[in-house]
C-alpha atoms as a PDB file:
ATOM      1  CA  MET A   1      34.330   4.089 -64.191  1.00  0.00           C
ATOM      2  CA  THR A   2      33.033   7.445 -64.752  1.00  0.00           C
ATOM      3  CA  TYR A   3      32.453  10.356 -62.399  1.00  0.00           C
ATOM      4  CA  ALA A   4      28.668   9.785 -62.558  1.00  0.00           C
ATOM      5  CA  ASP A   5      29.136   6.088 -61.580  1.00  0.00           C
ATOM      6  CA  LEU A   6      31.362   7.063 -58.664  1.00  0.00           C
ATOM      7  CA  SER A   7      28.828   9.705 -57.588  1.00  0.00           C
ATOM      8  CA  ALA A   8      25.958   7.217 -57.815  1.00  0.00           C
ATOM      9  CA  ILE A   9      27.887   4.637 -55.794  1.00  0.00           C
ATOM     10  CA  SER A  10      28.880   7.138 -53.168  1.00  0.00           C
ATOM     11  CA  THR A  11      25.288   8.301 -52.884  1.00  0.00           C
ATOM     12  CA  VAL A  12      24.167   4.737 -52.341  1.00  0.00           C
ATOM     13  CA  VAL A  13      26.893   4.092 -49.773  1.00  0.00           C
ATOM     14  CA  VAL A  14      25.957   7.288 -47.887  1.00  0.00           C
ATOM     15  CA  ALA A  15      22.223   6.267 -47.979  1.00  0.00           C
ATOM     16  CA  VAL A  16      22.918   2.784 -46.731  1.00  0.00           C
ATOM     17  CA  THR A  17      25.255   4.122 -44.099  1.00  0.00           C
ATOM     18  CA  THR A  18      22.614   6.586 -42.975  1.00  0.00           C
ATOM     19  CA  ILE A  19      19.990   3.913 -42.826  1.00  0.00           C
ATOM     20  CA  ILE A  20      22.291   1.593 -40.857  1.00  0.00           C
ATOM     21  CA  TYR A  21      23.206   4.519 -38.520  1.00  0.00           C
ATOM     22  CA  THR A  22      19.480   5.432 -38.005  1.00  0.00           C
ATOM     23  CA  ILE A  23      18.580   1.754 -37.218  1.00  0.00           C
ATOM     24  CA  GLY A  24      21.580   1.545 -34.784  1.00  0.00           C
ATOM     25  CA  THR A  25      20.504   4.829 -33.079  1.00  0.00           C
ATOM     26  CA  PHE A  26      16.905   3.597 -32.774  1.00  0.00           C
ATOM     27  CA  LEU A  27      18.056   0.206 -31.299  1.00  0.00           C
ATOM     28  CA  LEU A  28      20.345   2.107 -28.913  1.00  0.00           C
ATOM     29  CA  TRP A  29      17.444   4.260 -27.845  1.00  0.00           C
ATOM     30  CA  LEU A  30      15.139   1.274 -27.475  1.00  0.00           C
ATOM     31  CA  THR A  31      17.732  -0.591 -25.287  1.00  0.00           C
ATOM     32  CA  THR A  32      18.409   2.486 -23.178  1.00  0.00           C
ATOM     33  CA  ARG A  33      14.693   3.054 -22.732  1.00  0.00           C
ATOM     34  CA  GLY A  34      14.239  -0.476 -21.540  1.00  0.00           C
ATOM     35  CA  GLN A  35      17.152  -0.156 -19.105  1.00  0.00           C
ATOM     36  CA  LEU A  36      15.679   3.083 -17.746  1.00  0.00           C
ATOM     37  CA  ILE A  37      12.291   1.439 -17.250  1.00  0.00           C
ATOM     38  CA  ASN A  38      13.870  -1.460 -15.391  1.00  0.00           C
ATOM     39  CA  GLN A  39      15.917   0.963 -13.225  1.00  0.00           C
ATOM     40  CA  GLN A  40      12.716   2.959 -12.482  1.00  0.00           C
ATOM     41  CA  LYS A  41      10.967  -0.228 -11.354  1.00  0.00           C
ATOM     42  CA  GLN A  42      13.886  -1.199  -9.236  1.00  0.00           C
ATOM     43  CA  LEU A  43      13.966   2.260  -7.673  1.00  0.00           C
ATOM     44  CA  GLU A  44      10.202   2.077  -6.909  1.00  0.00           C
ATOM     45  CA  ASN A  45      10.694  -1.406  -5.385  1.00  0.00           C
ATOM     46  CA  GLN A  46      13.585  -0.151  -3.190  1.00  0.00           C
ATOM     47  CA  GLN A  47      11.374   2.831  -2.072  1.00  0.00           C
ATOM     48  CA  GLU A  48       8.571   0.490  -1.092  1.00  0.00           C
ATOM     49  CA  GLN A  49      11.037  -1.720   0.728  1.00  0.00           C
ATOM     50  CA  LEU A  50      12.458   1.299   2.607  1.00  0.00           C
ATOM     51  CA  ALA A  51       8.983   2.524   3.526  1.00  0.00           C
ATOM     52  CA  TYR A  52       8.136  -0.898   4.884  1.00  0.00           C
ATOM     53  CA  GLN A  53      11.391  -1.087   6.835  1.00  0.00           C
ATOM     54  CA  GLN A  54      10.677   2.346   8.249  1.00  0.00           C
ATOM     55  CA  GLN A  55       7.242   1.230   9.328  1.00  0.00           C
ATOM     56  CA  GLN A  56       8.725  -1.864  10.936  1.00  0.00           C
ATOM     57  CA  LEU A  57      11.276   0.179  12.806  1.00  0.00           C
ATOM     58  CA  ARG A  58       8.644   2.593  14.089  1.00  0.00           C
ATOM     59  CA  SER A  59       6.573  -0.344  15.174  1.00  0.00           C
ATOM     60  CA  THR A  60       9.510  -1.869  17.045  1.00  0.00           C
ATOM     61  CA  ALA A  61      10.407   1.460  18.667  1.00  0.00           C
ATOM     62  CA  LYS A  62       6.768   2.065  19.728  1.00  0.00           C
ATOM     63  CA  SER A  63       6.653  -1.486  21.177  1.00  0.00           C
ATOM     64  CA  GLU A  64       9.886  -0.926  23.199  1.00  0.00           C
ATOM     65  CA  ILE A  65       8.687   2.494  24.470  1.00  0.00           C
ATOM     66  CA  ILE A  66       5.298   0.974  25.515  1.00  0.00           C
ATOM     67  CA  ALA A  67       7.057  -1.996  27.199  1.00  0.00           C
ATOM     68  CA  SER A  68       9.229   0.426  29.171  1.00  0.00           C
ATOM     69  CA  HIS A  69       6.212   2.495  30.196  1.00  0.00           C
ATOM     70  CA  ARG A  70       4.456  -0.749  31.299  1.00  0.00           C
ATOM     71  CA  SER A  71       7.453  -1.694  33.399  1.00  0.00           C
ATOM     72  CA  LEU A  72       7.672   1.763  34.968  1.00  0.00           C
ATOM     73  CA  PHE A  73       3.933   1.943  35.662  1.00  0.00           C
ATOM     74  CA  LEU A  74       3.943  -1.524  37.183  1.00  0.00           C
ATOM     75  CA  ALA A  75       6.856  -0.628  39.441  1.00  0.00           C
ATOM     76  CA  ILE A  76       5.034   2.422  40.593  1.00  0.00           C
ATOM     77  CA  ILE A  77       1.687   0.680  41.032  1.00  0.00           C
ATOM     78  CA  GLN A  78       3.275  -2.061  43.125  1.00  0.00           C
ATOM     79  CA  ASN A  79       5.252   0.213  45.403  1.00  0.00           C
ATOM     80  CA  GLU A  80       2.736   1.875  47.842  1.00  0.00           C
ATOM     81  CA  GLU A  81       5.196   4.511  49.094  1.00  0.00           C
ATOM     82  CA  LEU A  82       6.269   5.481  45.604  1.00  0.00           C
ATOM     83  CA  LEU A  83       2.626   5.594  44.491  1.00  0.00           C
ATOM     84  CA  LYS A  84       1.730   7.883  47.424  1.00  0.00           C
ATOM     85  CA  THR A  85       4.689  10.137  46.682  1.00  0.00           C
ATOM     86  CA  ILE A  86       3.849  10.753  42.996  1.00  0.00           C
ATOM     87  CA  SER A  87       0.052  10.778  43.417  1.00  0.00           C
ATOM     88  CA  THR A  88      -1.343  14.261  43.138  1.00  0.00           C
ATOM     89  CA  GLN A  89      -4.614  13.051  44.544  1.00  0.00           C
ATOM     90  CA  PRO A  90      -5.282  12.043  48.148  1.00  0.00           C
ATOM     91  CA  ASN A  91      -6.505   8.762  46.876  1.00  0.00           C
ATOM     92  CA  ALA A  92      -3.559   6.656  45.628  1.00  0.00           C
ATOM     93  CA  GLU A  93      -5.953   4.005  44.410  1.00  0.00           C
ATOM     94  CA  LYS A  94      -7.331   6.400  41.802  1.00  0.00           C
ATOM     95  CA  THR A  95      -3.775   7.078  40.639  1.00  0.00           C
ATOM     96  CA  ARG A  96      -3.144   3.334  40.369  1.00  0.00           C
ATOM     97  CA  ARG A  97      -6.378   2.840  38.322  1.00  0.00           C
ATOM     98  CA  SER A  98      -5.408   5.752  35.992  1.00  0.00           C
ATOM     99  CA  MET A  99      -1.952   4.272  35.412  1.00  0.00           C
ATOM    100  CA  LEU A 100      -3.548   0.866  34.752  1.00  0.00           C
ATOM    101  CA  ALA A 101      -5.924   2.540  32.254  1.00  0.00           C
ATOM    102  CA  SER A 102      -2.957   4.265  30.546  1.00  0.00           C
ATOM    103  CA  MET A 103      -1.229   0.904  30.150  1.00  0.00           C
ATOM    104  CA  LEU A 104      -4.355  -0.624  28.556  1.00  0.00           C
ATOM    105  CA  ILE A 105      -4.751   2.359  26.201  1.00  0.00           C
ATOM    106  CA  ASN A 106      -1.016   2.158  25.259  1.00  0.00           C
ATOM    107  CA  HIS A 107      -1.432  -1.526  24.593  1.00  0.00           C
ATOM    108  CA  CYS A 108      -4.427  -0.847  22.384  1.00  0.00           C
ATOM    109  CA  GLY A 109      -2.314   1.856  20.556  1.00  0.00           C
ATOM    110  CA  LEU A 110       0.443  -0.701  20.069  1.00  0.00           C
ATOM    111  CA  MET A 111      -2.001  -3.237  18.595  1.00  0.00           C
ATOM    112  CA  TYR A 112      -3.402  -0.549  16.245  1.00  0.00           C
ATOM    113  CA  ALA A 113       0.170   0.210  15.077  1.00  0.00           C
ATOM    114  CA  GLU A 114       0.946  -3.456  14.491  1.00  0.00           C
ATOM    115  CA  TYR A 115      -2.197  -3.791  12.284  1.00  0.00           C
ATOM    116  CA  LYS A 116      -1.398  -0.696  10.355  1.00  0.00           C
ATOM    117  CA  ALA A 117       2.292  -1.793   9.926  1.00  0.00           C
ATOM    118  CA  GLY A 118       1.071  -4.967   8.349  1.00  0.00           C
ATOM    119  CA  ASN A 119       2.330  -7.164  11.235  1.00  0.00           C
ATOM    120  CA  MET A 120      -1.239  -8.351  11.983  1.00  0.00           C
ATOM    121  CA  PRO A 121      -3.680  -9.503   9.288  1.00  0.00           C
ATOM    122  CA  LEU A 122      -6.073  -6.723   8.428  1.00  0.00           C
ATOM    123  CA  GLU A 123      -8.957  -9.178   8.149  1.00  0.00           C
ATOM    124  CA  ASN A 124      -8.860  -9.388  12.034  1.00  0.00           C
ATOM    125  CA  MET A 125      -9.132  -5.611  12.356  1.00  0.00           C
ATOM    126  CA  SER A 126     -12.907  -5.730  13.021  1.00  0.00           C
ATOM    127  CA  GLY A 127     -12.348  -8.128  15.878  1.00  0.00           C
ATOM    128  CA  PHE A 128      -9.687  -5.845  17.296  1.00  0.00           C
ATOM    129  CA  THR A 129     -12.070  -2.879  16.961  1.00  0.00           C
ATOM    130  CA  ASP A 130     -14.707  -4.821  18.988  1.00  0.00           C
ATOM    131  CA  ASP A 131     -12.155  -5.726  21.635  1.00  0.00           C
ATOM    132  CA  ALA A 132     -11.078  -2.039  21.858  1.00  0.00           C
ATOM    133  CA  ALA A 133     -14.734  -1.052  22.267  1.00  0.00           C
ATOM    134  CA  ASP A 134     -14.963  -3.543  25.121  1.00  0.00           C
ATOM    135  CA  LEU A 135     -11.869  -2.062  26.681  1.00  0.00           C
ATOM    136  CA  PHE A 136     -13.062   1.531  26.288  1.00  0.00           C
ATOM    137  CA  SER A 137     -16.329   0.519  27.809  1.00  0.00           C
ATOM    138  CA  ILE A 138     -14.624   0.365  31.201  1.00  0.00           C
ATOM    139  CA  ARG A 139     -15.287   3.733  32.808  1.00  0.00           C
ATOM    140  CA  ILE A 140     -11.765   4.354  34.049  1.00  0.00           C
ATOM    141  CA  VAL A 141     -10.298   3.569  30.631  1.00  0.00           C
ATOM    142  CA  ASN A 142     -12.895   5.773  28.890  1.00  0.00           C
ATOM    143  CA  GLU A 143     -12.248   8.696  31.313  1.00  0.00           C
ATOM    144  CA  ARG A 144      -8.544   8.302  31.061  1.00  0.00           C
ATOM    145  CA  TRP A 145      -8.771   8.367  27.247  1.00  0.00           C
ATOM    146  CA  HIS A 146     -10.301  11.811  27.274  1.00  0.00           C
ATOM    147  CA  SER A 147      -7.293  12.968  29.379  1.00  0.00           C
ATOM    148  CA  VAL A 148      -4.591  11.409  27.249  1.00  0.00           C
ATOM    149  CA  LYS A 149      -5.855  11.294  23.709  1.00  0.00           C
ATOM    150  CA  ALA A 150      -3.887  14.416  22.770  1.00  0.00           C
ATOM    151  CA  PHE A 151      -0.663  12.695  23.503  1.00  0.00           C
ATOM    152  CA  HIS A 152      -1.441   9.748  21.096  1.00  0.00           C
ATOM    153  CA  ASP A 153      -0.854   9.445  17.368  1.00  0.00           C
ATOM    154  CA  ARG A 154      -3.342  11.357  15.373  1.00  0.00           C
ATOM    155  CA  LYS A 155      -4.475   8.356  13.328  1.00  0.00           C
ATOM    156  CA  PHE A 156      -4.851   6.191  16.406  1.00  0.00           C
ATOM    157  CA  SER A 157      -6.889   9.019  18.048  1.00  0.00           C
ATOM    158  CA  ALA A 158      -9.135   9.156  15.010  1.00  0.00           C
ATOM    159  CA  PHE A 159      -9.568   5.371  15.040  1.00  0.00           C
ATOM    160  CA  ILE A 160     -10.691   5.458  18.696  1.00  0.00           C
ATOM    161  CA  GLU A 161     -12.962   8.414  18.195  1.00  0.00           C
ATOM    162  CA  GLU A 162     -14.562   7.291  14.921  1.00  0.00           C
ATOM    163  CA  ASP A 163     -14.481   3.503  14.995  1.00  0.00           C
ATOM    164  CA  VAL A 164     -14.299   2.435  18.661  1.00  0.00           C
ATOM    165  CA  LEU A 165     -16.173   4.961  20.823  1.00  0.00           C
ATOM    166  CA  PRO A 166     -19.394   4.810  18.802  1.00  0.00           C
ATOM    167  CA  LYS A 167     -19.597   1.114  19.865  1.00  0.00           C
ATOM    168  CA  VAL A 168     -18.910   1.827  23.473  1.00  0.00           C
ATOM    169  CA  ARG A 169     -21.456   1.334  26.256  1.00  0.00           C
ATOM    170  CA  VAL A 170     -19.616   2.671  29.417  1.00  0.00           C
ATOM    171  CA  ARG A 171     -19.747   0.465  32.464  1.00  0.00           C
ATOM    172  CA  GLU A 172     -17.737   0.171  35.651  1.00  0.00           C
ATOM    173  CA  ASN A 173     -16.043  -3.197  34.902  1.00  0.00           C
ATOM    174  CA  LEU A 174     -15.500  -5.309  31.777  1.00  0.00           C
ATOM    175  CA  TYR A 175     -17.427  -8.281  33.139  1.00  0.00           C
END
């Protein structure tokens, strides 16, 4: 074998090795890319699950807070002496009605949060909007809303102002 033959064989070996190395590198890149895409999808899925869990936790916390408010308001409403003590108005009945209106508004806020959290089917939202309009048609609820809306969630306030109140025809009682 001559030097030229050895040189030609080594050139072919180097070329074949380079081709094999290039193909291997490409396949490694392709596999790594596929794994990264799968990890990206898993991460996005985990983020969606975390967002959903956070929404559920907020919904539960809001529900518990409203339930404790309801219990407290009912205890005050049912205790004449306590009601007179905390009432800033000479008429304790007006305080009682305001507290009842607050309980109803808070319940409406909880239902809104449940719809937005996905715990209630959104196809029923228009029925809920109509029910809320009936509720806010009661004069004491409507008046109370204007006193307390600043303390409610911005999105709930916008829902009441934009979707509910335009449907309202204020009256003294629901029926």
